Amino acid sequence: MTPQSHVESVEEGDEFYHVRFRDPDAFDEIRTPEWAAEVAEDVSKGAEVRMGKETGSDDWDVQSVLVKKSVGREGAGEQATKIVEKIES
């Protein structure tokens, strides 16, 4: 995993804020692994983590984190960053 806990954008969806850390076009494949959701749950109830496999690599990195809208836009960015830091540690 390549550490990068910098939020690129926070976009509002119907139920979640979609907090992007990396461009989805940089990946061959993106998944939402159950183990990552379990890690995220410790920080933000109901959060989901999208992991991407980098083009030309076997490494998987966090592409984005979905955080429930109830935490607010600023809170979503903060909680998503904590989730990524926890996964990367």
N, C-alpha and C. Protein backbone atom coordinates (compact mmCIF):
# COMPACT_ATOMS: atom_id res chain seq x y z
N MET A 1 0.82 -1.18 0.00
CA MET A 1 0.00 0.00 0.00
C MET A 1 0.86 1.25 0.00
N THR A 2 0.46 2.21 -0.79
CA THR A 2 1.18 3.47 -0.86
C THR A 2 0.48 4.47 0.05
N PRO A 3 1.10 4.90 1.16
CA PRO A 3 0.43 5.82 2.06
C PRO A 3 0.15 7.16 1.39
N GLN A 4 -1.09 7.61 1.50
CA GLN A 4 -1.49 8.92 0.98
C GLN A 4 -2.83 9.26 1.61
N SER A 5 -2.79 9.96 2.70
CA SER A 5 -4.01 10.28 3.41
C SER A 5 -4.50 11.69 3.10
N HIS A 6 -4.33 12.10 1.86
CA HIS A 6 -4.75 13.43 1.43
C HIS A 6 -6.10 13.34 0.72
N VAL A 7 -7.09 14.06 1.21
CA VAL A 7 -8.41 14.08 0.60
C VAL A 7 -8.36 14.90 -0.69
N GLU A 8 -8.73 14.30 -1.81
CA GLU A 8 -8.79 15.02 -3.08
C GLU A 8 -10.10 15.76 -3.24
N SER A 9 -11.20 15.12 -2.81
CA SER A 9 -12.51 15.77 -2.92
C SER A 9 -13.52 15.09 -2.01
N VAL A 10 -14.59 15.83 -1.69
CA VAL A 10 -15.71 15.30 -0.92
C VAL A 10 -16.96 15.62 -1.73
N GLU A 11 -17.64 14.58 -2.19
CA GLU A 11 -18.83 14.75 -3.01
C GLU A 11 -20.05 14.20 -2.27
N GLU A 12 -21.15 14.92 -2.35
CA GLU A 12 -22.37 14.52 -1.66
C GLU A 12 -23.19 13.58 -2.53
N GLY A 13 -23.58 12.45 -1.95
CA GLY A 13 -24.46 11.50 -2.62
C GLY A 13 -25.79 11.45 -1.89
N ASP A 14 -26.61 10.47 -2.21
CA ASP A 14 -27.93 10.35 -1.57
C ASP A 14 -27.83 10.01 -0.09
N GLU A 15 -26.99 9.04 0.26
CA GLU A 15 -26.87 8.59 1.64
C GLU A 15 -25.49 8.81 2.24
N PHE A 16 -24.51 9.02 1.38
CA PHE A 16 -23.12 9.11 1.82
C PHE A 16 -22.43 10.36 1.27
N TYR A 17 -21.36 10.75 1.96
CA TYR A 17 -20.37 11.63 1.37
C TYR A 17 -19.31 10.70 0.80
N HIS A 18 -18.94 10.93 -0.45
CA HIS A 18 -17.94 10.11 -1.12
C HIS A 18 -16.63 10.89 -1.02
N VAL A 19 -15.74 10.42 -0.15
CA VAL A 19 -14.46 11.09 0.10
C VAL A 19 -13.39 10.40 -0.74
N ARG A 20 -12.90 11.12 -1.75
CA ARG A 20 -11.95 10.55 -2.69
C ARG A 20 -10.51 10.87 -2.27
N PHE A 21 -9.67 9.82 -2.27
CA PHE A 21 -8.25 9.96 -1.96
C PHE A 21 -7.38 9.80 -3.21
N ARG A 22 -7.86 9.04 -4.19
CA ARG A 22 -7.11 8.79 -5.42
C ARG A 22 -8.08 8.74 -6.60
N ASP A 23 -7.57 9.06 -7.77
CA ASP A 23 -8.36 9.05 -9.00
C ASP A 23 -8.72 7.61 -9.35
N PRO A 24 -10.00 7.31 -9.56
CA PRO A 24 -10.39 5.93 -9.89
C PRO A 24 -9.79 5.45 -11.21
N ASP A 25 -9.44 6.36 -12.10
CA ASP A 25 -8.85 5.97 -13.38
C ASP A 25 -7.44 5.41 -13.24
N ALA A 26 -6.84 5.56 -12.06
CA ALA A 26 -5.49 5.05 -11.81
C ALA A 26 -5.50 3.55 -11.50
N PHE A 27 -6.68 2.95 -11.43
CA PHE A 27 -6.80 1.56 -11.02
C PHE A 27 -7.38 0.68 -12.12
N ASP A 28 -6.90 -0.56 -12.15
CA ASP A 28 -7.47 -1.57 -13.06
C ASP A 28 -8.78 -2.12 -12.50
N GLU A 29 -8.85 -2.18 -11.19
CA GLU A 29 -9.97 -2.84 -10.52
C GLU A 29 -10.25 -2.14 -9.20
N ILE A 30 -11.53 -1.98 -8.85
CA ILE A 30 -11.92 -1.38 -7.57
C ILE A 30 -12.92 -2.30 -6.90
N ARG A 31 -12.69 -2.56 -5.61
CA ARG A 31 -13.57 -3.42 -4.81
C ARG A 31 -13.90 -2.76 -3.48
N THR A 32 -14.94 -3.27 -2.84
CA THR A 32 -15.32 -2.82 -1.50
C THR A 32 -15.18 -4.02 -0.57
N PRO A 33 -13.97 -4.25 -0.05
CA PRO A 33 -13.74 -5.45 0.77
C PRO A 33 -14.40 -5.36 2.14
N GLU A 34 -14.90 -6.51 2.57
CA GLU A 34 -15.58 -6.59 3.86
C GLU A 34 -14.63 -6.27 5.02
N TRP A 35 -13.37 -6.72 4.93
CA TRP A 35 -12.41 -6.47 6.03
C TRP A 35 -12.19 -4.97 6.22
N ALA A 36 -12.19 -4.21 5.12
CA ALA A 36 -11.97 -2.76 5.22
C ALA A 36 -13.18 -2.08 5.86
N ALA A 37 -14.38 -2.58 5.56
CA ALA A 37 -15.59 -2.03 6.18
C ALA A 37 -15.57 -2.27 7.69
N GLU A 38 -15.04 -3.41 8.09
CA GLU A 38 -14.94 -3.70 9.52
C GLU A 38 -13.97 -2.74 10.21
N VAL A 39 -12.87 -2.41 9.56
CA VAL A 39 -11.93 -1.43 10.11
C VAL A 39 -12.60 -0.06 10.17
N ALA A 40 -13.29 0.31 9.10
CA ALA A 40 -13.96 1.61 9.03
C ALA A 40 -15.04 1.75 10.10
N GLU A 41 -15.71 0.66 10.40
CA GLU A 41 -16.81 0.67 11.37
C GLU A 41 -16.35 1.15 12.75
N ASP A 42 -15.09 0.89 13.09
CA ASP A 42 -14.54 1.35 14.37
C ASP A 42 -14.46 2.88 14.44
N VAL A 43 -14.39 3.53 13.29
CA VAL A 43 -14.26 4.99 13.23
C VAL A 43 -15.60 5.65 12.94
N SER A 44 -16.35 5.09 11.98
CA SER A 44 -17.58 5.72 11.51
C SER A 44 -18.60 4.65 11.15
N LYS A 45 -19.66 4.56 11.92
CA LYS A 45 -20.69 3.53 11.71
C LYS A 45 -21.28 3.62 10.30
N GLY A 46 -21.26 2.49 9.61
CA GLY A 46 -21.85 2.41 8.27
C GLY A 46 -20.94 2.84 7.14
N ALA A 47 -19.70 3.21 7.45
CA ALA A 47 -18.76 3.64 6.40
C ALA A 47 -18.33 2.46 5.54
N GLU A 48 -18.01 2.75 4.28
CA GLU A 48 -17.52 1.75 3.35
C GLU A 48 -16.21 2.24 2.75
N VAL A 49 -15.33 1.31 2.41
CA VAL A 49 -14.03 1.66 1.84
C VAL A 49 -13.91 1.00 0.48
N ARG A 50 -13.54 1.80 -0.51
CA ARG A 50 -13.29 1.27 -1.84
C ARG A 50 -11.78 1.20 -2.05
N MET A 51 -11.32 -0.01 -2.34
CA MET A 51 -9.89 -0.26 -2.56
C MET A 51 -9.68 -0.50 -4.05
N GLY A 52 -8.56 0.02 -4.56
CA GLY A 52 -8.25 -0.15 -5.97
C GLY A 52 -6.90 -0.84 -6.16
N LYS A 53 -6.84 -1.69 -7.20
CA LYS A 53 -5.59 -2.33 -7.58
C LYS A 53 -4.97 -1.45 -8.67
N GLU A 54 -3.78 -0.95 -8.38
CA GLU A 54 -3.11 -0.02 -9.28
C GLU A 54 -2.77 -0.67 -10.62
N THR A 55 -2.87 0.10 -11.66
CA THR A 55 -2.51 -0.35 -12.99
C THR A 55 -1.05 -0.79 -13.01
N GLY A 56 -0.81 -2.02 -13.46
CA GLY A 56 0.54 -2.54 -13.56
C GLY A 56 1.17 -2.93 -12.24
N SER A 57 0.37 -3.13 -11.20
CA SER A 57 0.90 -3.44 -9.87
C SER A 57 -0.01 -4.45 -9.18
N ASP A 58 0.52 -5.08 -8.15
CA ASP A 58 -0.29 -5.98 -7.33
C ASP A 58 -0.76 -5.28 -6.05
N ASP A 59 -0.40 -4.00 -5.89
CA ASP A 59 -0.75 -3.25 -4.69
C ASP A 59 -2.20 -2.80 -4.72
N TRP A 60 -2.83 -2.83 -3.55
CA TRP A 60 -4.19 -2.32 -3.38
C TRP A 60 -4.10 -1.11 -2.46
N ASP A 61 -4.75 -0.02 -2.84
CA ASP A 61 -4.77 1.21 -2.05
C ASP A 61 -6.20 1.69 -1.88
N VAL A 62 -6.42 2.51 -0.87
CA VAL A 62 -7.74 3.11 -0.68
C VAL A 62 -7.97 4.12 -1.80
N GLN A 63 -9.05 3.93 -2.53
CA GLN A 63 -9.43 4.88 -3.57
C GLN A 63 -10.36 5.93 -2.97
N SER A 64 -11.35 5.45 -2.21
CA SER A 64 -12.30 6.38 -1.59
C SER A 64 -12.95 5.74 -0.37
N VAL A 65 -13.57 6.60 0.43
CA VAL A 65 -14.31 6.15 1.61
C VAL A 65 -15.70 6.79 1.54
N LEU A 66 -16.71 6.00 1.78
CA LEU A 66 -18.08 6.51 1.84
C LEU A 66 -18.47 6.62 3.30
N VAL A 67 -18.86 7.83 3.71
CA VAL A 67 -19.22 8.11 5.09
C VAL A 67 -20.66 8.61 5.12
N LYS A 68 -21.45 8.12 6.06
CA LYS A 68 -22.86 8.51 6.19
C LYS A 68 -23.00 10.04 6.24
N LYS A 69 -24.02 10.55 5.58
CA LYS A 69 -24.23 12.00 5.51
C LYS A 69 -24.52 12.63 6.86
N SER A 70 -24.96 11.84 7.82
CA SER A 70 -25.31 12.38 9.13
C SER A 70 -24.12 13.03 9.85
N VAL A 71 -22.89 12.71 9.45
CA VAL A 71 -21.71 13.30 10.11
C VAL A 71 -21.36 14.67 9.55
N GLY A 72 -21.96 15.06 8.43
CA GLY A 72 -21.69 16.35 7.82
C GLY A 72 -20.48 16.29 6.90
N ARG A 73 -20.37 17.28 6.03
CA ARG A 73 -19.31 17.31 5.02
C ARG A 73 -17.92 17.35 5.65
N GLU A 74 -17.70 18.24 6.60
CA GLU A 74 -16.38 18.36 7.24
C GLU A 74 -16.05 17.11 8.05
N GLY A 75 -17.05 16.61 8.78
CA GLY A 75 -16.86 15.39 9.57
C GLY A 75 -16.55 14.19 8.69
N ALA A 76 -17.13 14.16 7.49
CA ALA A 76 -16.88 13.05 6.57
C ALA A 76 -15.41 13.01 6.17
N GLY A 77 -14.85 14.15 5.85
CA GLY A 77 -13.44 14.21 5.47
C GLY A 77 -12.53 13.80 6.61
N GLU A 78 -12.85 14.27 7.80
CA GLU A 78 -12.04 13.93 8.98
C GLU A 78 -12.12 12.44 9.29
N GLN A 79 -13.34 11.89 9.28
CA GLN A 79 -13.50 10.47 9.60
C GLN A 79 -12.87 9.58 8.53
N ALA A 80 -13.02 9.97 7.27
CA ALA A 80 -12.44 9.18 6.18
C ALA A 80 -10.91 9.16 6.31
N THR A 81 -10.32 10.30 6.66
CA THR A 81 -8.87 10.36 6.84
C THR A 81 -8.44 9.44 7.98
N LYS A 82 -9.18 9.41 9.07
CA LYS A 82 -8.86 8.51 10.18
C LYS A 82 -8.95 7.05 9.76
N ILE A 83 -9.95 6.74 8.95
CA ILE A 83 -10.12 5.38 8.46
C ILE A 83 -8.92 4.96 7.60
N VAL A 84 -8.52 5.84 6.68
CA VAL A 84 -7.38 5.53 5.81
C VAL A 84 -6.11 5.36 6.63
N GLU A 85 -5.90 6.24 7.60
CA GLU A 85 -4.70 6.13 8.45
C GLU A 85 -4.70 4.80 9.19
N LYS A 86 -5.86 4.37 9.65
CA LYS A 86 -5.96 3.10 10.37
C LYS A 86 -5.65 1.92 9.44
N ILE A 87 -6.14 1.98 8.21
CA ILE A 87 -5.88 0.91 7.25
C ILE A 87 -4.41 0.87 6.87
N GLU A 88 -3.81 2.04 6.70
CA GLU A 88 -2.42 2.12 6.26
C GLU A 88 -1.41 1.80 7.37
N SER A 89 -1.86 1.83 8.62
CA SER A 89 -0.92 1.57 9.71
C SER A 89 -0.72 0.09 9.97
